[in-house]
Amino acid sequence: MLTTKLLRLLILTPALALGVSACTTFGTVAEDSSIEGRVKDRLYPILEKNQPHAVDVVSHNLYVLIYGQVPSEDVIAQVSNTIKGVPEMKKAFNELRVGNPEDVSTVSDVWITTKVKSSLAAEKGLDSKRIKVITENKEVFLMGMVTREEGDKAALVARNISGVDRVVKIFEYID
């Protein structure tokens, strides 16, 4: 017979593997994945006609971030119009930029993300597990469910990381 500790381990391991934060349920994680797929499906026809592009979609707690590079302002506007009305999505943030994706250093962005995550984890009074960090072309996007104080503190920490050009807060505030 399984012990209580073993049962807890079996229940908690998938949650930790998925990176489920304290404020996110399994249902929300599944819905976020579904939203990402629906948004990408809607964007596919636009992006295929408009090369070169590098676009990604992240949904966190039903807040959607669309980021990357596209060839024109017109594409950015088309994306905004196309994603309106995606079911279950609370709010969308179109953070696309006009630019050439070949000019973006993925290695630099990964390094910035690592530094931001490490600095957030070391910051006292901040639960960094509730903050998702995405970096694109030296822009840091912070997502999650936090208090206003935590959000401001996280943004300040990210702004002070070497190599960061801009910080965008995409938080859902819980106070």
N, C-alpha and C. Protein backbone atom coordinates (compact mmCIF):
# COMPACT_ATOMS: atom_id res chain seq x y z
N MET A 1 0.85 -1.18 0.00
CA MET A 1 0.00 0.00 0.00
C MET A 1 0.89 1.25 0.00
N LEU A 2 0.48 2.28 -0.76
CA LEU A 2 1.26 3.50 -0.87
C LEU A 2 1.13 4.33 0.40
N THR A 3 2.21 4.88 0.80
CA THR A 3 2.18 5.74 1.98
C THR A 3 1.69 7.13 1.58
N THR A 4 1.34 7.92 2.58
CA THR A 4 0.86 9.28 2.34
C THR A 4 1.93 10.12 1.65
N LYS A 5 3.19 9.96 2.08
CA LYS A 5 4.28 10.72 1.47
C LYS A 5 4.44 10.37 -0.01
N LEU A 6 4.35 9.10 -0.33
CA LEU A 6 4.48 8.68 -1.72
C LEU A 6 3.33 9.21 -2.56
N LEU A 7 2.13 9.20 -2.01
CA LEU A 7 0.98 9.76 -2.73
C LEU A 7 1.17 11.25 -3.00
N ARG A 8 1.64 11.98 -2.00
CA ARG A 8 1.90 13.41 -2.19
C ARG A 8 2.93 13.63 -3.29
N LEU A 9 3.98 12.82 -3.29
CA LEU A 9 5.02 12.93 -4.30
C LEU A 9 4.44 12.67 -5.69
N LEU A 10 3.61 11.65 -5.80
CA LEU A 10 3.00 11.33 -7.10
C LEU A 10 2.07 12.43 -7.58
N ILE A 11 1.44 13.13 -6.67
CA ILE A 11 0.52 14.21 -7.03
C ILE A 11 1.30 15.48 -7.36
N LEU A 12 2.33 15.79 -6.58
CA LEU A 12 3.06 17.04 -6.76
C LEU A 12 4.06 17.03 -7.91
N THR A 13 4.61 15.89 -8.25
CA THR A 13 5.62 15.82 -9.30
C THR A 13 5.13 16.38 -10.63
N PRO A 14 3.94 15.98 -11.12
CA PRO A 14 3.49 16.57 -12.39
C PRO A 14 3.29 18.08 -12.29
N ALA A 15 2.84 18.56 -11.16
CA ALA A 15 2.64 20.01 -11.00
C ALA A 15 3.98 20.74 -11.10
N LEU A 16 5.00 20.20 -10.45
CA LEU A 16 6.31 20.83 -10.52
C LEU A 16 6.90 20.74 -11.92
N ALA A 17 6.69 19.64 -12.58
CA ALA A 17 7.20 19.47 -13.94
C ALA A 17 6.57 20.46 -14.90
N LEU A 18 5.31 20.77 -14.70
CA LEU A 18 4.63 21.72 -15.57
C LEU A 18 4.92 23.16 -15.19
N GLY A 19 5.56 23.37 -14.07
CA GLY A 19 5.87 24.73 -13.64
C GLY A 19 4.64 25.46 -13.15
N VAL A 20 3.71 24.75 -12.58
CA VAL A 20 2.48 25.37 -12.10
C VAL A 20 2.80 26.22 -10.88
N SER A 21 2.46 27.49 -10.96
CA SER A 21 2.73 28.38 -9.84
C SER A 21 1.63 28.26 -8.80
N ALA A 22 1.83 28.93 -7.70
CA ALA A 22 0.90 28.86 -6.59
C ALA A 22 -0.48 29.40 -6.95
N CYS A 23 -0.55 30.25 -7.97
CA CYS A 23 -1.83 30.88 -8.32
C CYS A 23 -2.45 30.29 -9.58
N THR A 24 -1.91 29.21 -10.10
CA THR A 24 -2.40 28.64 -11.34
C THR A 24 -2.89 27.22 -11.09
N THR A 25 -4.05 26.91 -11.65
CA THR A 25 -4.59 25.56 -11.51
C THR A 25 -4.25 24.73 -12.74
N PHE A 26 -4.41 23.42 -12.62
CA PHE A 26 -4.20 22.55 -13.78
C PHE A 26 -5.14 22.92 -14.91
N GLY A 27 -6.37 23.29 -14.56
CA GLY A 27 -7.34 23.69 -15.58
C GLY A 27 -6.88 24.93 -16.33
N THR A 28 -6.29 25.88 -15.61
CA THR A 28 -5.80 27.10 -16.24
C THR A 28 -4.61 26.78 -17.14
N VAL A 29 -3.72 25.90 -16.70
CA VAL A 29 -2.57 25.50 -17.52
C VAL A 29 -3.07 24.87 -18.83
N ALA A 30 -4.06 24.02 -18.73
CA ALA A 30 -4.61 23.38 -19.93
C ALA A 30 -5.28 24.41 -20.82
N GLU A 31 -6.02 25.34 -20.23
CA GLU A 31 -6.69 26.38 -21.02
C GLU A 31 -5.66 27.29 -21.68
N ASP A 32 -4.58 27.62 -20.97
CA ASP A 32 -3.52 28.44 -21.56
C ASP A 32 -2.95 27.76 -22.81
N SER A 33 -2.71 26.48 -22.71
CA SER A 33 -2.19 25.73 -23.85
C SER A 33 -3.17 25.76 -25.02
N SER A 34 -4.44 25.61 -24.71
CA SER A 34 -5.48 25.65 -25.74
C SER A 34 -5.55 27.03 -26.38
N ILE A 35 -5.48 28.07 -25.58
CA ILE A 35 -5.52 29.45 -26.09
C ILE A 35 -4.33 29.69 -27.03
N GLU A 36 -3.15 29.27 -26.61
CA GLU A 36 -1.97 29.45 -27.45
C GLU A 36 -2.18 28.81 -28.82
N GLY A 37 -2.72 27.61 -28.83
CA GLY A 37 -2.97 26.92 -30.10
C GLY A 37 -3.99 27.64 -30.97
N ARG A 38 -5.06 28.12 -30.35
CA ARG A 38 -6.09 28.83 -31.11
C ARG A 38 -5.56 30.14 -31.68
N VAL A 39 -4.77 30.86 -30.89
CA VAL A 39 -4.21 32.12 -31.38
C VAL A 39 -3.25 31.84 -32.54
N LYS A 40 -2.37 30.86 -32.39
CA LYS A 40 -1.43 30.51 -33.45
C LYS A 40 -2.16 30.09 -34.73
N ASP A 41 -3.24 29.33 -34.57
CA ASP A 41 -4.04 28.94 -35.74
C ASP A 41 -4.61 30.15 -36.47
N ARG A 42 -5.07 31.14 -35.71
CA ARG A 42 -5.62 32.35 -36.32
C ARG A 42 -4.54 33.19 -37.01
N LEU A 43 -3.34 33.17 -36.45
CA LEU A 43 -2.26 33.99 -36.99
C LEU A 43 -1.56 33.37 -38.20
N TYR A 44 -1.64 32.07 -38.31
CA TYR A 44 -0.90 31.36 -39.36
C TYR A 44 -1.12 31.95 -40.76
N PRO A 45 -2.36 32.17 -41.22
CA PRO A 45 -2.55 32.70 -42.58
C PRO A 45 -1.91 34.09 -42.77
N ILE A 46 -1.96 34.92 -41.77
CA ILE A 46 -1.37 36.26 -41.87
C ILE A 46 0.15 36.16 -41.98
N LEU A 47 0.73 35.35 -41.11
CA LEU A 47 2.18 35.27 -41.05
C LEU A 47 2.76 34.58 -42.28
N GLU A 48 2.05 33.62 -42.83
CA GLU A 48 2.55 32.95 -44.03
C GLU A 48 2.66 33.90 -45.21
N LYS A 49 1.78 34.89 -45.26
CA LYS A 49 1.80 35.87 -46.35
C LYS A 49 2.81 36.99 -46.12
N ASN A 50 3.32 37.09 -44.92
CA ASN A 50 4.18 38.22 -44.55
C ASN A 50 5.50 37.73 -43.99
N GLN A 51 6.44 37.50 -44.89
CA GLN A 51 7.77 37.01 -44.51
C GLN A 51 8.77 38.15 -44.60
N PRO A 52 9.88 38.13 -43.90
CA PRO A 52 10.20 37.19 -42.84
C PRO A 52 9.51 37.62 -41.54
N HIS A 53 9.29 36.65 -40.70
CA HIS A 53 8.70 36.93 -39.40
C HIS A 53 9.23 35.92 -38.38
N ALA A 54 9.16 36.30 -37.14
CA ALA A 54 9.46 35.40 -36.02
C ALA A 54 8.48 35.81 -34.93
N VAL A 55 7.42 35.04 -34.79
CA VAL A 55 6.36 35.39 -33.85
C VAL A 55 6.11 34.22 -32.92
N ASP A 56 5.89 34.53 -31.65
CA ASP A 56 5.53 33.49 -30.71
C ASP A 56 4.38 33.98 -29.84
N VAL A 57 3.70 33.02 -29.24
CA VAL A 57 2.52 33.30 -28.41
C VAL A 57 2.70 32.58 -27.09
N VAL A 58 2.47 33.31 -25.99
CA VAL A 58 2.51 32.71 -24.66
C VAL A 58 1.25 33.13 -23.93
N SER A 59 0.57 32.15 -23.35
CA SER A 59 -0.59 32.44 -22.52
C SER A 59 -0.24 32.03 -21.10
N HIS A 60 -0.48 32.94 -20.17
CA HIS A 60 -0.22 32.66 -18.76
C HIS A 60 -1.40 33.18 -17.96
N ASN A 61 -2.11 32.27 -17.35
CA ASN A 61 -3.29 32.61 -16.56
C ASN A 61 -4.31 33.38 -17.40
N LEU A 62 -4.44 32.97 -18.65
CA LEU A 62 -5.41 33.49 -19.62
C LEU A 62 -5.06 34.88 -20.14
N TYR A 63 -3.86 35.39 -19.80
CA TYR A 63 -3.33 36.63 -20.38
C TYR A 63 -2.40 36.19 -21.52
N VAL A 64 -2.58 36.77 -22.69
CA VAL A 64 -1.84 36.32 -23.87
C VAL A 64 -0.84 37.38 -24.32
N LEU A 65 0.39 36.94 -24.52
CA LEU A 65 1.45 37.78 -25.05
C LEU A 65 1.81 37.28 -26.44
N ILE A 66 1.78 38.19 -27.40
CA ILE A 66 2.23 37.89 -28.76
C ILE A 66 3.44 38.79 -28.99
N TYR A 67 4.57 38.17 -29.31
CA TYR A 67 5.81 38.94 -29.44
C TYR A 67 6.65 38.43 -30.60
N GLY A 68 7.57 39.28 -31.03
CA GLY A 68 8.48 38.90 -32.10
C GLY A 68 8.60 40.01 -33.13
N GLN A 69 9.09 39.64 -34.31
CA GLN A 69 9.30 40.60 -35.37
C GLN A 69 8.45 40.25 -36.59
N VAL A 70 7.92 41.29 -37.19
CA VAL A 70 7.14 41.15 -38.43
C VAL A 70 7.61 42.24 -39.40
N PRO A 71 7.26 42.11 -40.69
CA PRO A 71 7.80 43.06 -41.67
C PRO A 71 7.15 44.44 -41.71
N SER A 72 5.96 44.63 -41.11
CA SER A 72 5.32 45.95 -41.24
C SER A 72 4.32 46.23 -40.12
N GLU A 73 3.99 47.50 -39.97
CA GLU A 73 2.96 47.93 -39.02
C GLU A 73 1.60 47.33 -39.40
N ASP A 74 1.38 47.15 -40.68
CA ASP A 74 0.13 46.57 -41.16
C ASP A 74 -0.08 45.16 -40.59
N VAL A 75 0.99 44.39 -40.52
CA VAL A 75 0.90 43.03 -39.98
C VAL A 75 0.54 43.09 -38.49
N ILE A 76 1.13 44.03 -37.78
CA ILE A 76 0.82 44.19 -36.36
C ILE A 76 -0.67 44.48 -36.18
N ALA A 77 -1.21 45.36 -37.01
CA ALA A 77 -2.64 45.70 -36.94
C ALA A 77 -3.51 44.49 -37.29
N GLN A 78 -3.11 43.75 -38.31
CA GLN A 78 -3.88 42.55 -38.69
C GLN A 78 -3.91 41.53 -37.55
N VAL A 79 -2.77 41.36 -36.88
CA VAL A 79 -2.70 40.43 -35.76
C VAL A 79 -3.65 40.87 -34.66
N SER A 80 -3.64 42.15 -34.32
CA SER A 80 -4.53 42.66 -33.27
C SER A 80 -5.99 42.39 -33.61
N ASN A 81 -6.38 42.63 -34.83
CA ASN A 81 -7.77 42.40 -35.24
C ASN A 81 -8.13 40.92 -35.26
N THR A 82 -7.18 40.09 -35.65
CA THR A 82 -7.44 38.65 -35.80
C THR A 82 -7.63 37.95 -34.47
N ILE A 83 -6.95 38.41 -33.43
CA ILE A 83 -7.02 37.69 -32.15
C ILE A 83 -8.18 38.12 -31.27
N LYS A 84 -8.88 39.18 -31.68
CA LYS A 84 -10.02 39.62 -30.88
C LYS A 84 -11.05 38.50 -30.80
N GLY A 85 -11.57 38.29 -29.63
CA GLY A 85 -12.64 37.32 -29.47
C GLY A 85 -12.21 35.88 -29.31
N VAL A 86 -10.92 35.62 -29.07
CA VAL A 86 -10.50 34.25 -28.80
C VAL A 86 -11.14 33.84 -27.48
N PRO A 87 -11.91 32.75 -27.48
CA PRO A 87 -12.61 32.34 -26.26
C PRO A 87 -11.66 32.09 -25.08
N GLU A 88 -12.13 32.43 -23.90
CA GLU A 88 -11.46 32.25 -22.61
C GLU A 88 -10.28 33.18 -22.39
N MET A 89 -9.82 33.90 -23.40
CA MET A 89 -8.70 34.81 -23.24
C MET A 89 -9.17 36.04 -22.46
N LYS A 90 -8.48 36.34 -21.34
CA LYS A 90 -8.85 37.53 -20.56
C LYS A 90 -8.39 38.81 -21.25
N LYS A 91 -7.12 38.80 -21.68
CA LYS A 91 -6.55 40.01 -22.26
C LYS A 91 -5.39 39.63 -23.16
N ALA A 92 -5.23 40.36 -24.26
CA ALA A 92 -4.12 40.10 -25.18
C ALA A 92 -3.19 41.31 -25.22
N PHE A 93 -1.90 41.02 -25.31
CA PHE A 93 -0.87 42.04 -25.40
C PHE A 93 -0.10 41.80 -26.69
N ASN A 94 -0.31 42.68 -27.67
CA ASN A 94 0.39 42.57 -28.94
C ASN A 94 1.68 43.36 -28.83
N GLU A 95 2.78 42.67 -28.62
CA GLU A 95 4.08 43.30 -28.46
C GLU A 95 4.98 42.97 -29.66
N LEU A 96 4.36 42.87 -30.83
CA LEU A 96 5.13 42.65 -32.05
C LEU A 96 5.86 43.93 -32.41
N ARG A 97 7.03 43.77 -33.04
CA ARG A 97 7.82 44.90 -33.48
C ARG A 97 8.13 44.72 -34.97
N VAL A 98 8.23 45.84 -35.67
CA VAL A 98 8.66 45.78 -37.06
C VAL A 98 10.17 45.58 -37.05
N GLY A 99 10.61 44.52 -37.72
CA GLY A 99 12.04 44.24 -37.74
C GLY A 99 12.34 42.93 -38.43
N ASN A 100 13.61 42.68 -38.61
CA ASN A 100 14.08 41.46 -39.25
C ASN A 100 14.46 40.46 -38.17
N PRO A 101 13.84 39.29 -38.15
CA PRO A 101 14.15 38.32 -37.09
C PRO A 101 15.61 37.85 -37.10
N GLU A 102 16.28 37.99 -38.24
CA GLU A 102 17.69 37.57 -38.31
C GLU A 102 18.59 38.51 -37.52
N ASP A 103 18.09 39.70 -37.16
CA ASP A 103 18.88 40.66 -36.41
C ASP A 103 18.79 40.43 -34.89
N VAL A 104 18.00 39.46 -34.47
CA VAL A 104 17.78 39.20 -33.05
C VAL A 104 18.73 38.10 -32.58
N SER A 105 19.41 38.35 -31.46
CA SER A 105 20.33 37.37 -30.90
C SER A 105 19.61 36.52 -29.86
N THR A 106 19.31 35.30 -30.23
CA THR A 106 18.64 34.38 -29.31
C THR A 106 19.52 34.07 -28.11
N VAL A 107 20.82 33.93 -28.33
CA VAL A 107 21.75 33.62 -27.25
C VAL A 107 21.74 34.74 -26.21
N SER A 108 21.77 35.97 -26.67
CA SER A 108 21.73 37.12 -25.77
C SER A 108 20.42 37.14 -24.97
N ASP A 109 19.31 36.86 -25.64
CA ASP A 109 18.02 36.86 -24.97
C ASP A 109 17.92 35.76 -23.91
N VAL A 110 18.45 34.59 -24.22
CA VAL A 110 18.45 33.49 -23.24
C VAL A 110 19.29 33.88 -22.03
N TRP A 111 20.42 34.52 -22.27
CA TRP A 111 21.29 34.93 -21.16
C TRP A 111 20.59 35.98 -20.30
N ILE A 112 19.92 36.94 -20.94
CA ILE A 112 19.19 37.96 -20.18
C ILE A 112 18.09 37.31 -19.34
N THR A 113 17.34 36.38 -19.93
CA THR A 113 16.28 35.68 -19.19
C THR A 113 16.86 34.97 -17.97
N THR A 114 17.98 34.31 -18.16
CA THR A 114 18.62 33.60 -17.05
C THR A 114 19.01 34.56 -15.94
N LYS A 115 19.59 35.69 -16.30
CA LYS A 115 20.00 36.68 -15.30
C LYS A 115 18.80 37.27 -14.57
N VAL A 116 17.72 37.54 -15.32
CA VAL A 116 16.52 38.11 -14.69
C VAL A 116 15.91 37.09 -13.72
N LYS A 117 15.75 35.84 -14.17
CA LYS A 117 15.17 34.81 -13.30
C LYS A 117 16.00 34.62 -12.03
N SER A 118 17.32 34.59 -12.18
CA SER A 118 18.20 34.41 -11.02
C SER A 118 18.08 35.58 -10.06
N SER A 119 18.03 36.78 -10.60
CA SER A 119 17.92 37.98 -9.76
C SER A 119 16.57 38.04 -9.05
N LEU A 120 15.51 37.64 -9.75
CA LEU A 120 14.18 37.61 -9.12
C LEU A 120 14.15 36.59 -7.99
N ALA A 121 14.78 35.43 -8.21
CA ALA A 121 14.80 34.38 -7.19
C ALA A 121 15.58 34.84 -5.95
N ALA A 122 16.59 35.67 -6.15
CA ALA A 122 17.41 36.13 -5.04
C ALA A 122 16.79 37.31 -4.30
N GLU A 123 15.78 37.93 -4.89
CA GLU A 123 15.17 39.12 -4.30
C GLU A 123 14.29 38.77 -3.11
N LYS A 124 14.55 39.38 -1.98
CA LYS A 124 13.75 39.12 -0.78
C LYS A 124 12.37 39.74 -0.94
N GLY A 125 11.37 39.04 -0.44
CA GLY A 125 9.99 39.53 -0.49
C GLY A 125 9.33 39.36 -1.84
N LEU A 126 9.90 38.50 -2.68
CA LEU A 126 9.36 38.28 -4.02
C LEU A 126 9.30 36.79 -4.30
N ASP A 127 8.11 36.29 -4.63
CA ASP A 127 7.95 34.88 -4.98
C ASP A 127 8.13 34.74 -6.48
N SER A 128 9.37 34.49 -6.88
CA SER A 128 9.70 34.47 -8.30
C SER A 128 9.04 33.33 -9.06
N LYS A 129 8.55 32.32 -8.35
CA LYS A 129 7.88 31.20 -9.02
C LYS A 129 6.56 31.64 -9.66
N ARG A 130 6.05 32.78 -9.23
CA ARG A 130 4.79 33.28 -9.78
C ARG A 130 5.00 34.23 -10.97
N ILE A 131 6.26 34.38 -11.38
CA ILE A 131 6.56 35.32 -12.46
C ILE A 131 7.21 34.58 -13.62
N LYS A 132 6.60 34.72 -14.78
CA LYS A 132 7.14 34.14 -16.00
C LYS A 132 7.96 35.22 -16.70
N VAL A 133 9.16 34.87 -17.15
CA VAL A 133 10.06 35.82 -17.80
C VAL A 133 10.30 35.38 -19.24
N ILE A 134 10.07 36.30 -20.17
CA ILE A 134 10.31 36.04 -21.59
C ILE A 134 11.13 37.21 -22.10
N THR A 135 12.17 36.92 -22.85
CA THR A 135 13.00 37.99 -23.41
C THR A 135 13.03 37.85 -24.93
N GLU A 136 12.83 38.97 -25.60
CA GLU A 136 12.87 39.02 -27.06
C GLU A 136 13.55 40.31 -27.47
N ASN A 137 14.69 40.18 -28.15
CA ASN A 137 15.42 41.33 -28.66
C ASN A 137 15.71 42.35 -27.56
N LYS A 138 16.17 41.85 -26.42
CA LYS A 138 16.55 42.65 -25.25
C LYS A 138 15.37 43.30 -24.53
N GLU A 139 14.16 42.92 -24.89
CA GLU A 139 12.97 43.36 -24.17
C GLU A 139 12.54 42.23 -23.25
N VAL A 140 12.31 42.55 -21.99
CA VAL A 140 11.91 41.55 -21.01
C VAL A 140 10.42 41.73 -20.73
N PHE A 141 9.68 40.63 -20.89
CA PHE A 141 8.25 40.61 -20.60
C PHE A 141 8.06 39.82 -19.32
N LEU A 142 7.37 40.42 -18.36
CA LEU A 142 7.10 39.78 -17.07
C LEU A 142 5.62 39.50 -16.98
N MET A 143 5.26 38.24 -16.74
CA MET A 143 3.87 37.82 -16.65
C MET A 143 3.64 37.10 -15.34
N GLY A 144 2.42 37.16 -14.83
CA GLY A 144 2.07 36.40 -13.64
C GLY A 144 1.02 37.10 -12.81
N MET A 145 0.67 36.45 -11.72
CA MET A 145 -0.28 37.00 -10.76
C MET A 145 0.52 37.46 -9.54
N VAL A 146 0.55 38.78 -9.35
CA VAL A 146 1.35 39.36 -8.28
C VAL A 146 0.61 40.55 -7.66
N THR A 147 1.10 41.01 -6.53
CA THR A 147 0.61 42.27 -5.99
C THR A 147 1.28 43.40 -6.78
N ARG A 148 0.74 44.60 -6.67
CA ARG A 148 1.36 45.74 -7.38
C ARG A 148 2.79 45.97 -6.89
N GLU A 149 2.98 45.81 -5.60
CA GLU A 149 4.32 45.99 -5.04
C GLU A 149 5.30 44.96 -5.62
N GLU A 150 4.86 43.70 -5.70
CA GLU A 150 5.71 42.66 -6.27
C GLU A 150 6.01 42.94 -7.74
N GLY A 151 4.99 43.38 -8.48
CA GLY A 151 5.18 43.69 -9.90
C GLY A 151 6.17 44.81 -10.11
N ASP A 152 6.05 45.86 -9.30
CA ASP A 152 6.99 46.98 -9.40
C ASP A 152 8.41 46.56 -9.03
N LYS A 153 8.52 45.73 -8.00
CA LYS A 153 9.83 45.26 -7.56
C LYS A 153 10.46 44.37 -8.65
N ALA A 154 9.67 43.48 -9.24
CA ALA A 154 10.17 42.61 -10.30
C ALA A 154 10.64 43.42 -11.50
N ALA A 155 9.86 44.44 -11.88
CA ALA A 155 10.24 45.28 -13.01
C ALA A 155 11.53 46.04 -12.73
N LEU A 156 11.69 46.53 -11.51
CA LEU A 156 12.91 47.25 -11.13
C LEU A 156 14.12 46.32 -11.20
N VAL A 157 13.96 45.11 -10.70
CA VAL A 157 15.04 44.13 -10.75
C VAL A 157 15.42 43.87 -12.22
N ALA A 158 14.43 43.64 -13.07
CA ALA A 158 14.69 43.34 -14.48
C ALA A 158 15.36 44.52 -15.18
N ARG A 159 14.91 45.73 -14.88
CA ARG A 159 15.48 46.93 -15.53
C ARG A 159 16.96 47.10 -15.20
N ASN A 160 17.37 46.61 -14.05
CA ASN A 160 18.76 46.78 -13.62
C ASN A 160 19.70 45.68 -14.11
N ILE A 161 19.20 44.79 -14.95
CA ILE A 161 20.03 43.72 -15.50
C ILE A 161 20.76 44.25 -16.73
N SER A 162 22.04 44.01 -16.80
CA SER A 162 22.84 44.44 -17.94
C SER A 162 22.30 43.82 -19.23
N GLY A 163 22.13 44.66 -20.26
CA GLY A 163 21.67 44.18 -21.56
C GLY A 163 20.19 44.37 -21.80
N VAL A 164 19.42 44.69 -20.75
CA VAL A 164 17.98 44.88 -20.90
C VAL A 164 17.71 46.28 -21.42
N ASP A 165 16.99 46.36 -22.55
CA ASP A 165 16.63 47.66 -23.12
C ASP A 165 15.28 48.15 -22.63
N ARG A 166 14.36 47.22 -22.36
CA ARG A 166 13.00 47.60 -22.01
C ARG A 166 12.36 46.49 -21.19
N VAL A 167 11.50 46.86 -20.24
CA VAL A 167 10.75 45.89 -19.44
C VAL A 167 9.26 46.18 -19.64
N VAL A 168 8.51 45.12 -19.94
CA VAL A 168 7.06 45.25 -20.14
C VAL A 168 6.38 44.39 -19.09
N LYS A 169 5.53 45.02 -18.27
CA LYS A 169 4.79 44.29 -17.23
C LYS A 169 3.46 43.84 -17.81
N ILE A 170 3.22 42.55 -17.74
CA ILE A 170 1.96 41.96 -18.18
C ILE A 170 1.42 41.16 -17.00
N PHE A 171 1.16 41.85 -15.93
CA PHE A 171 0.76 41.21 -14.69
C PHE A 171 -0.75 41.29 -14.51
N GLU A 172 -1.25 40.29 -13.83
CA GLU A 172 -2.61 40.35 -13.28
C GLU A 172 -2.41 40.63 -11.80
N TYR A 173 -2.94 41.75 -11.35
CA TYR A 173 -2.71 42.16 -9.96
C TYR A 173 -3.76 41.54 -9.04
N ILE A 174 -3.27 41.04 -7.91
CA ILE A 174 -4.14 40.35 -6.96
C ILE A 174 -4.46 41.20 -5.74
N ASP A 175 -4.18 42.50 -5.83
CA ASP A 175 -4.56 43.38 -4.71
C ASP A 175 -5.29 44.60 -5.23
